[in-house]
Amino acid sequence: QVQFVESGGGLVQPGGSLRLSCAASGSIFSMYAMAWYRQAPGNQRQLVARISSSGNTNYADSVKGRFTISRDNAKNTVYLQMNNLKPDDTAVYYCNKAPPYASWGQGTQVTVSS
């Protein structure tokens, strides 16, 4: 079973940037579309950005133009570059394939606050 380990979160001021990384186990990583999801307190988990096995990308409207998803199949890693962060971006961020496995990693906390 594939496992995901997210990292790179932290506390940042509005307008700041962070780069999240997700290391995935498994030799068939390159075959799957991958995505970043986030869950804010009291809210359901939502898809933020998706990247296909061939590199095509899609974004939630709320992050379009600010976030960039990318992948390195040689390293079994997917990234999320987040720029111009806003307080509404505060959440725990998770990666998973798209659509997701039932099993999730622990996520990485992103807090945007002055």
C-alpha atoms as a PDB file:
ATOM      1  CA  GLN A   1       0.000   0.000   0.000  1.00  0.00           C
ATOM      2  CA  VAL A   2       1.237   3.456  -0.879  1.00  0.00           C
ATOM      3  CA  GLN A   3       2.100   5.783   1.998  1.00  0.00           C
ATOM      4  CA  PHE A   4       2.476   9.553   1.912  1.00  0.00           C
ATOM      5  CA  VAL A   5       4.698  11.771   4.061  1.00  0.00           C
ATOM      6  CA  GLU A   6       4.009  15.492   3.843  1.00  0.00           C
ATOM      7  CA  SER A   7       6.399  18.221   4.960  1.00  0.00           C
ATOM      8  CA  GLY A   8       7.152  21.912   4.573  1.00  0.00           C
ATOM      9  CA  GLY A   9       4.310  23.529   6.461  1.00  0.00           C
ATOM     10  CA  GLY A  10       4.682  26.259   9.033  1.00  0.00           C
ATOM     11  CA  LEU A  11       3.621  29.696  10.202  1.00  0.00           C
ATOM     12  CA  VAL A  12       3.816  32.451   7.606  1.00  0.00           C
ATOM     13  CA  GLN A  13       2.538  36.004   7.349  1.00  0.00           C
ATOM     14  CA  PRO A  14      -0.086  36.968   4.790  1.00  0.00           C
ATOM     15  CA  GLY A  15       1.550  37.450   1.422  1.00  0.00           C
ATOM     16  CA  GLY A  16       4.303  34.975   2.234  1.00  0.00           C
ATOM     17  CA  SER A  17       5.266  31.725   0.528  1.00  0.00           C
ATOM     18  CA  LEU A  18       5.761  28.086   1.430  1.00  0.00           C
ATOM     19  CA  ARG A  19       6.735  24.994  -0.513  1.00  0.00           C
ATOM     20  CA  LEU A  20       5.197  21.708   0.525  1.00  0.00           C
ATOM     21  CA  SER A  21       6.669  18.326  -0.348  1.00  0.00           C
ATOM     22  CA  CYS A  22       5.112  14.891  -0.342  1.00  0.00           C
ATOM     23  CA  ALA A  23       7.162  11.726  -0.535  1.00  0.00           C
ATOM     24  CA  ALA A  24       5.234   8.681  -1.697  1.00  0.00           C
ATOM     25  CA  SER A  25       6.236   5.055  -1.388  1.00  0.00           C
ATOM     26  CA  GLY A  26       5.558   2.556  -4.129  1.00  0.00           C
ATOM     27  CA  SER A  27       7.039   1.844  -7.504  1.00  0.00           C
ATOM     28  CA  ILE A  28       3.969   2.837  -9.524  1.00  0.00           C
ATOM     29  CA  PHE A  29       3.816   6.457  -8.344  1.00  0.00           C
ATOM     30  CA  SER A  30       4.338   7.756 -11.866  1.00  0.00           C
ATOM     31  CA  MET A  31       1.192   6.039 -13.118  1.00  0.00           C
ATOM     32  CA  TYR A  32      -1.185   7.996 -10.900  1.00  0.00           C
ATOM     33  CA  ALA A  33      -2.633  11.447 -10.921  1.00  0.00           C
ATOM     34  CA  MET A  34      -1.645  13.087  -7.651  1.00  0.00           C
ATOM     35  CA  ALA A  35      -3.244  15.900  -5.703  1.00  0.00           C
ATOM     36  CA  TRP A  36      -2.947  18.158  -2.715  1.00  0.00           C
ATOM     37  CA  TYR A  37      -5.928  18.454  -0.424  1.00  0.00           C
ATOM     38  CA  ARG A  38      -6.530  20.620   2.632  1.00  0.00           C
ATOM     39  CA  GLN A  39      -8.791  20.577   5.641  1.00  0.00           C
ATOM     40  CA  ALA A  40      -9.474  23.593   7.807  1.00  0.00           C
ATOM     41  CA  PRO A  41     -11.004  23.191  11.288  1.00  0.00           C
ATOM     42  CA  GLY A  42     -14.707  22.429  11.063  1.00  0.00           C
ATOM     43  CA  ASN A  43     -14.578  21.951   7.297  1.00  0.00           C
ATOM     44  CA  GLN A  44     -14.466  18.975   4.993  1.00  0.00           C
ATOM     45  CA  ARG A  45     -11.281  18.052   3.198  1.00  0.00           C
ATOM     46  CA  GLN A  46     -11.143  19.709  -0.210  1.00  0.00           C
ATOM     47  CA  LEU A  47      -9.032  19.267  -3.306  1.00  0.00           C
ATOM     48  CA  VAL A  48      -6.621  22.147  -3.863  1.00  0.00           C
ATOM     49  CA  ALA A  49      -4.547  21.114  -6.869  1.00  0.00           C
ATOM     50  CA  ARG A  50      -4.209  18.075  -9.090  1.00  0.00           C
ATOM     51  CA  ILE A  51      -1.504  16.909 -11.494  1.00  0.00           C
ATOM     52  CA  SER A  52      -1.972  14.085 -13.966  1.00  0.00           C
ATOM     53  CA  SER A  53       0.593  11.394 -14.694  1.00  0.00           C
ATOM     54  CA  SER A  54       1.571  13.383 -17.792  1.00  0.00           C
ATOM     55  CA  GLY A  55       1.852  16.695 -15.937  1.00  0.00           C
ATOM     56  CA  ASN A  56      -1.440  18.412 -16.703  1.00  0.00           C
ATOM     57  CA  THR A  57      -2.600  20.527 -13.778  1.00  0.00           C
ATOM     58  CA  ASN A  58      -5.903  21.737 -12.321  1.00  0.00           C
ATOM     59  CA  TYR A  59      -6.548  24.073  -9.393  1.00  0.00           C
ATOM     60  CA  ALA A  60      -9.360  25.079  -7.113  1.00  0.00           C
ATOM     61  CA  ASP A  61     -10.582  28.559  -7.995  1.00  0.00           C
ATOM     62  CA  SER A  62      -9.518  29.855  -4.587  1.00  0.00           C
ATOM     63  CA  VAL A  63      -5.823  29.118  -5.253  1.00  0.00           C
ATOM     64  CA  LYS A  64      -5.582  29.599  -9.013  1.00  0.00           C
ATOM     65  CA  GLY A  65      -2.712  31.911  -9.901  1.00  0.00           C
ATOM     66  CA  ARG A  66      -1.121  31.576  -6.448  1.00  0.00           C
ATOM     67  CA  PHE A  67      -0.346  27.849  -6.067  1.00  0.00           C
ATOM     68  CA  THR A  68       1.645  25.592  -8.377  1.00  0.00           C
ATOM     69  CA  ILE A  69       1.670  21.801  -8.201  1.00  0.00           C
ATOM     70  CA  SER A  70       4.523  19.797  -9.673  1.00  0.00           C
ATOM     71  CA  ARG A  71       5.935  16.291  -9.489  1.00  0.00           C
ATOM     72  CA  ASP A  72       9.257  14.499  -9.767  1.00  0.00           C
ATOM     73  CA  ASN A  73       8.551  10.895 -10.710  1.00  0.00           C
ATOM     74  CA  ALA A  74      12.200   9.908 -10.272  1.00  0.00           C
ATOM     75  CA  LYS A  75      11.926  10.911  -6.612  1.00  0.00           C
ATOM     76  CA  ASN A  76       8.319   9.776  -6.060  1.00  0.00           C
ATOM     77  CA  THR A  77       7.624  13.290  -4.827  1.00  0.00           C
ATOM     78  CA  VAL A  78       4.926  15.873  -5.459  1.00  0.00           C
ATOM     79  CA  TYR A  79       5.284  19.533  -4.529  1.00  0.00           C
ATOM     80  CA  LEU A  80       3.004  22.476  -3.873  1.00  0.00           C
ATOM     81  CA  GLN A  81       4.476  25.955  -4.223  1.00  0.00           C
ATOM     82  CA  MET A  82       2.207  28.403  -2.425  1.00  0.00           C
ATOM     83  CA  ASN A  83       2.644  32.137  -2.995  1.00  0.00           C
ATOM     84  CA  ASN A  84       0.726  35.182  -1.773  1.00  0.00           C
ATOM     85  CA  LEU A  85      -0.728  33.158   1.082  1.00  0.00           C
ATOM     86  CA  LYS A  86      -3.914  34.327   2.754  1.00  0.00           C
ATOM     87  CA  PRO A  87      -5.393  33.596   6.184  1.00  0.00           C
ATOM     88  CA  ASP A  88      -8.074  31.476   4.456  1.00  0.00           C
ATOM     89  CA  ASP A  89      -5.292  29.139   3.305  1.00  0.00           C
ATOM     90  CA  THR A  90      -4.771  28.043   6.917  1.00  0.00           C
ATOM     91  CA  ALA A  91      -5.370  24.294   7.055  1.00  0.00           C
ATOM     92  CA  VAL A  92      -3.720  20.909   7.298  1.00  0.00           C
ATOM     93  CA  TYR A  93      -2.454  19.976   3.846  1.00  0.00           C
ATOM     94  CA  TYR A  94      -2.398  16.393   2.623  1.00  0.00           C
ATOM     95  CA  CYS A  95      -1.291  14.685  -0.541  1.00  0.00           C
ATOM     96  CA  ASN A  96      -2.858  11.594  -2.035  1.00  0.00           C
ATOM     97  CA  LYS A  97      -3.573  10.237  -5.439  1.00  0.00           C
ATOM     98  CA  ALA A  98      -6.597  11.548  -7.319  1.00  0.00           C
ATOM     99  CA  PRO A  99      -9.079  10.111  -6.595  1.00  0.00           C
ATOM    100  CA  PRO A 100      -7.625   9.403  -3.168  1.00  0.00           C
ATOM    101  CA  TYR A 101      -6.805   6.182  -1.402  1.00  0.00           C
ATOM    102  CA  ALA A 102      -8.768   5.597   1.788  1.00  0.00           C
ATOM    103  CA  SER A 103      -5.538   5.857   3.791  1.00  0.00           C
ATOM    104  CA  TRP A 104      -4.060   9.335   4.407  1.00  0.00           C
ATOM    105  CA  GLY A 105      -0.785  10.620   5.766  1.00  0.00           C
ATOM    106  CA  GLN A 106      -0.527  12.890   8.797  1.00  0.00           C
ATOM    107  CA  GLY A 107      -0.483  16.040   6.722  1.00  0.00           C
ATOM    108  CA  THR A 108       1.426  19.260   7.317  1.00  0.00           C
ATOM    109  CA  GLN A 109      -0.003  22.297   9.091  1.00  0.00           C
ATOM    110  CA  VAL A 110      -0.013  25.622   7.266  1.00  0.00           C
ATOM    111  CA  THR A 111      -0.922  28.673   9.318  1.00  0.00           C
ATOM    112  CA  VAL A 112      -1.184  32.093   7.702  1.00  0.00           C
ATOM    113  CA  SER A 113      -1.365  34.810  10.302  1.00  0.00           C
ATOM    114  CA  SER A 114       0.151  38.155  11.165  1.00  0.00           C
END
